[in-house]
Amino acid sequence: MSSINISELVISHNANTKSFERGEACYRSGFVQSVTQRGDDIQAKVQVSEQNPYRVTIGFNSDGDNIITSCSQFIVAKAS
């Protein structure tokens, strides 16, 4: 994975304990398939089971000091 311009300390400081621990466990278990940085946003594709993977996005608000996160599931359409 390429170098991402955000520290673990910044993420842990802005995340709740449960979310941070789950994200760390997913990363250490190899469930994070890719990580990309697009401007101020960092996106990760995560797959913890055989179900569809999901995308986690970490970004900053307009002040640049608070982290905003979102999580959305990929929809995989199968060809008929």
N, C-alpha and C. Protein backbone atom coordinates (compact mmCIF):
# COMPACT_ATOMS: atom_id res chain seq x y z
N MET A 1 0.84 -1.18 0.00
CA MET A 1 0.00 0.00 0.00
C MET A 1 0.88 1.24 0.00
N SER A 2 0.42 2.26 -0.64
CA SER A 2 1.20 3.48 -0.72
C SER A 2 1.13 4.26 0.59
N SER A 3 2.03 5.22 0.72
CA SER A 3 2.08 6.05 1.91
C SER A 3 0.88 6.99 1.96
N ILE A 4 0.24 7.05 3.11
CA ILE A 4 -0.93 7.90 3.31
C ILE A 4 -0.55 9.03 4.25
N ASN A 5 -1.03 10.22 3.95
CA ASN A 5 -0.64 11.41 4.70
C ASN A 5 -1.57 11.67 5.89
N ILE A 6 -1.65 10.72 6.82
CA ILE A 6 -2.39 10.90 8.07
C ILE A 6 -1.80 9.92 9.07
N SER A 7 -1.66 10.34 10.30
CA SER A 7 -1.04 9.47 11.29
C SER A 7 -2.07 8.65 12.06
N GLU A 8 -1.61 7.54 12.58
CA GLU A 8 -2.47 6.70 13.42
C GLU A 8 -2.93 7.48 14.64
N LEU A 9 -2.08 8.35 15.15
CA LEU A 9 -2.43 9.16 16.32
C LEU A 9 -3.62 10.08 16.02
N VAL A 10 -3.63 10.70 14.84
CA VAL A 10 -4.74 11.58 14.45
C VAL A 10 -6.03 10.77 14.35
N ILE A 11 -5.95 9.60 13.74
CA ILE A 11 -7.15 8.77 13.61
C ILE A 11 -7.65 8.32 14.97
N SER A 12 -6.76 7.80 15.82
CA SER A 12 -7.19 7.31 17.13
C SER A 12 -7.74 8.44 18.00
N HIS A 13 -7.20 9.63 17.85
CA HIS A 13 -7.67 10.78 18.63
C HIS A 13 -9.09 11.19 18.23
N ASN A 14 -9.43 11.02 16.96
CA ASN A 14 -10.72 11.47 16.45
C ASN A 14 -11.77 10.38 16.35
N ALA A 15 -11.39 9.13 16.51
CA ALA A 15 -12.34 8.02 16.41
C ALA A 15 -12.76 7.57 17.81
N ASN A 16 -13.95 6.97 17.89
CA ASN A 16 -14.29 6.38 19.18
C ASN A 16 -13.51 5.07 19.32
N THR A 17 -13.34 4.63 20.53
CA THR A 17 -12.48 3.47 20.81
C THR A 17 -12.92 2.23 20.05
N LYS A 18 -14.21 1.95 20.04
CA LYS A 18 -14.72 0.74 19.38
C LYS A 18 -14.42 0.77 17.88
N SER A 19 -14.69 1.90 17.22
CA SER A 19 -14.43 2.02 15.78
C SER A 19 -12.94 1.88 15.47
N PHE A 20 -12.10 2.53 16.28
CA PHE A 20 -10.67 2.45 16.05
C PHE A 20 -10.17 1.01 16.21
N GLU A 21 -10.60 0.32 17.27
CA GLU A 21 -10.16 -1.06 17.50
C GLU A 21 -10.63 -1.98 16.39
N ARG A 22 -11.86 -1.79 15.89
CA ARG A 22 -12.36 -2.62 14.79
C ARG A 22 -11.55 -2.38 13.52
N GLY A 23 -11.30 -1.12 13.21
CA GLY A 23 -10.50 -0.79 12.03
C GLY A 23 -9.09 -1.35 12.13
N GLU A 24 -8.50 -1.23 13.28
CA GLU A 24 -7.14 -1.76 13.48
C GLU A 24 -7.12 -3.28 13.33
N ALA A 25 -8.13 -3.96 13.88
CA ALA A 25 -8.22 -5.42 13.76
C ALA A 25 -8.41 -5.84 12.30
N CYS A 26 -9.25 -5.12 11.56
CA CYS A 26 -9.45 -5.42 10.14
C CYS A 26 -8.14 -5.27 9.37
N TYR A 27 -7.42 -4.20 9.66
CA TYR A 27 -6.15 -3.95 8.97
C TYR A 27 -5.13 -5.05 9.29
N ARG A 28 -4.97 -5.35 10.55
CA ARG A 28 -3.98 -6.36 10.97
C ARG A 28 -4.34 -7.77 10.48
N SER A 29 -5.63 -8.02 10.25
CA SER A 29 -6.08 -9.33 9.78
C SER A 29 -6.05 -9.46 8.26
N GLY A 30 -5.67 -8.37 7.57
CA GLY A 30 -5.56 -8.42 6.13
C GLY A 30 -6.87 -8.19 5.38
N PHE A 31 -7.89 -7.67 6.07
CA PHE A 31 -9.19 -7.44 5.43
C PHE A 31 -9.22 -6.16 4.60
N VAL A 32 -8.25 -5.28 4.80
CA VAL A 32 -8.19 -4.04 4.02
C VAL A 32 -7.52 -4.37 2.69
N GLN A 33 -8.30 -4.29 1.62
CA GLN A 33 -7.81 -4.70 0.30
C GLN A 33 -7.05 -3.59 -0.40
N SER A 34 -7.43 -2.35 -0.19
CA SER A 34 -6.72 -1.24 -0.82
C SER A 34 -6.97 0.03 -0.03
N VAL A 35 -6.00 0.95 -0.12
CA VAL A 35 -6.11 2.26 0.50
C VAL A 35 -5.63 3.28 -0.51
N THR A 36 -6.43 4.32 -0.73
CA THR A 36 -6.03 5.39 -1.65
C THR A 36 -6.31 6.73 -1.00
N GLN A 37 -5.51 7.71 -1.37
CA GLN A 37 -5.73 9.07 -0.90
C GLN A 37 -6.11 9.92 -2.10
N ARG A 38 -7.22 10.62 -1.97
CA ARG A 38 -7.71 11.51 -3.02
C ARG A 38 -7.91 12.89 -2.39
N GLY A 39 -6.97 13.76 -2.62
CA GLY A 39 -7.02 15.07 -1.96
C GLY A 39 -6.91 14.89 -0.47
N ASP A 40 -7.88 15.42 0.27
CA ASP A 40 -7.89 15.29 1.73
C ASP A 40 -8.60 14.05 2.22
N ASP A 41 -9.18 13.26 1.31
CA ASP A 41 -9.92 12.06 1.69
C ASP A 41 -9.05 10.82 1.55
N ILE A 42 -9.23 9.90 2.46
CA ILE A 42 -8.58 8.59 2.39
C ILE A 42 -9.69 7.56 2.29
N GLN A 43 -9.59 6.68 1.30
CA GLN A 43 -10.60 5.64 1.10
C GLN A 43 -9.95 4.27 1.21
N ALA A 44 -10.64 3.37 1.88
CA ALA A 44 -10.17 1.99 2.00
C ALA A 44 -11.28 1.04 1.57
N LYS A 45 -10.90 0.02 0.84
CA LYS A 45 -11.84 -1.05 0.47
C LYS A 45 -11.59 -2.19 1.46
N VAL A 46 -12.64 -2.60 2.16
CA VAL A 46 -12.52 -3.57 3.25
C VAL A 46 -13.47 -4.73 2.98
N GLN A 47 -12.97 -5.95 3.18
CA GLN A 47 -13.83 -7.12 3.03
C GLN A 47 -13.53 -8.08 4.17
N VAL A 48 -14.47 -8.20 5.11
CA VAL A 48 -14.27 -9.03 6.29
C VAL A 48 -14.92 -10.40 6.18
N SER A 49 -15.74 -10.58 5.15
CA SER A 49 -16.39 -11.88 4.94
C SER A 49 -16.57 -12.08 3.45
N GLU A 50 -17.29 -13.13 3.10
CA GLU A 50 -17.53 -13.38 1.68
C GLU A 50 -18.63 -12.49 1.11
N GLN A 51 -19.26 -11.70 1.96
CA GLN A 51 -20.26 -10.74 1.48
C GLN A 51 -19.54 -9.63 0.72
N ASN A 52 -20.33 -8.75 0.13
CA ASN A 52 -19.76 -7.64 -0.63
C ASN A 52 -18.81 -6.81 0.23
N PRO A 53 -17.71 -6.35 -0.36
CA PRO A 53 -16.82 -5.46 0.39
C PRO A 53 -17.49 -4.11 0.64
N TYR A 54 -16.92 -3.34 1.53
CA TYR A 54 -17.44 -2.00 1.76
C TYR A 54 -16.30 -0.99 1.71
N ARG A 55 -16.67 0.27 1.55
CA ARG A 55 -15.68 1.34 1.46
C ARG A 55 -15.79 2.23 2.69
N VAL A 56 -14.65 2.51 3.27
CA VAL A 56 -14.57 3.43 4.40
C VAL A 56 -13.85 4.68 3.90
N THR A 57 -14.45 5.85 4.16
CA THR A 57 -13.82 7.10 3.76
C THR A 57 -13.54 7.93 5.01
N ILE A 58 -12.33 8.46 5.08
CA ILE A 58 -11.93 9.35 6.17
C ILE A 58 -11.55 10.67 5.53
N GLY A 59 -12.13 11.74 6.01
CA GLY A 59 -11.81 13.06 5.50
C GLY A 59 -11.84 14.08 6.61
N PHE A 60 -11.60 15.33 6.26
CA PHE A 60 -11.60 16.40 7.24
C PHE A 60 -12.70 17.39 6.93
N ASN A 61 -13.23 18.03 7.97
CA ASN A 61 -14.22 19.08 7.75
C ASN A 61 -13.52 20.32 7.20
N SER A 62 -14.27 21.36 6.94
CA SER A 62 -13.70 22.56 6.32
C SER A 62 -12.66 23.25 7.21
N ASP A 63 -12.72 23.03 8.53
CA ASP A 63 -11.72 23.60 9.43
C ASP A 63 -10.41 22.83 9.38
N GLY A 64 -10.46 21.61 8.84
CA GLY A 64 -9.26 20.79 8.74
C GLY A 64 -8.84 20.13 10.03
N ASP A 65 -9.69 20.20 11.06
CA ASP A 65 -9.27 19.64 12.34
C ASP A 65 -10.14 18.49 12.84
N ASN A 66 -11.27 18.25 12.24
CA ASN A 66 -12.12 17.15 12.66
C ASN A 66 -12.27 16.14 11.54
N ILE A 67 -12.22 14.89 11.91
CA ILE A 67 -12.34 13.83 10.92
C ILE A 67 -13.81 13.51 10.68
N ILE A 68 -14.15 13.34 9.42
CA ILE A 68 -15.49 12.92 9.02
C ILE A 68 -15.34 11.55 8.37
N THR A 69 -16.13 10.59 8.80
CA THR A 69 -16.03 9.25 8.23
C THR A 69 -17.35 8.82 7.63
N SER A 70 -17.25 7.92 6.68
CA SER A 70 -18.45 7.29 6.14
C SER A 70 -18.11 5.86 5.78
N CYS A 71 -19.13 5.04 5.71
CA CYS A 71 -18.94 3.65 5.39
C CYS A 71 -20.09 3.23 4.49
N SER A 72 -19.76 2.69 3.32
CA SER A 72 -20.81 2.27 2.41
C SER A 72 -20.46 0.93 1.80
N GLN A 73 -21.46 0.11 1.59
CA GLN A 73 -21.25 -1.22 1.04
C GLN A 73 -21.27 -1.15 -0.49
N PHE A 74 -20.34 -1.85 -1.10
CA PHE A 74 -20.33 -1.96 -2.56
C PHE A 74 -21.48 -2.86 -2.96
N ILE A 75 -22.12 -2.56 -4.05
CA ILE A 75 -23.16 -3.41 -4.60
C ILE A 75 -22.54 -4.12 -5.81
N VAL A 76 -22.50 -5.42 -5.73
CA VAL A 76 -21.92 -6.20 -6.80
C VAL A 76 -23.04 -6.84 -7.60
N ALA A 77 -23.17 -6.46 -8.84
CA ALA A 77 -24.20 -7.03 -9.70
C ALA A 77 -23.62 -8.21 -10.47
N LYS A 78 -24.33 -9.31 -10.46
CA LYS A 78 -23.88 -10.50 -11.17
C LYS A 78 -24.54 -10.54 -12.54
N ALA A 79 -23.76 -10.89 -13.53
CA ALA A 79 -24.31 -10.99 -14.89
C ALA A 79 -25.23 -12.20 -14.98
N SER A 80 -26.32 -12.05 -15.70
CA SER A 80 -27.28 -13.13 -15.85
C SER A 80 -26.86 -14.05 -16.97
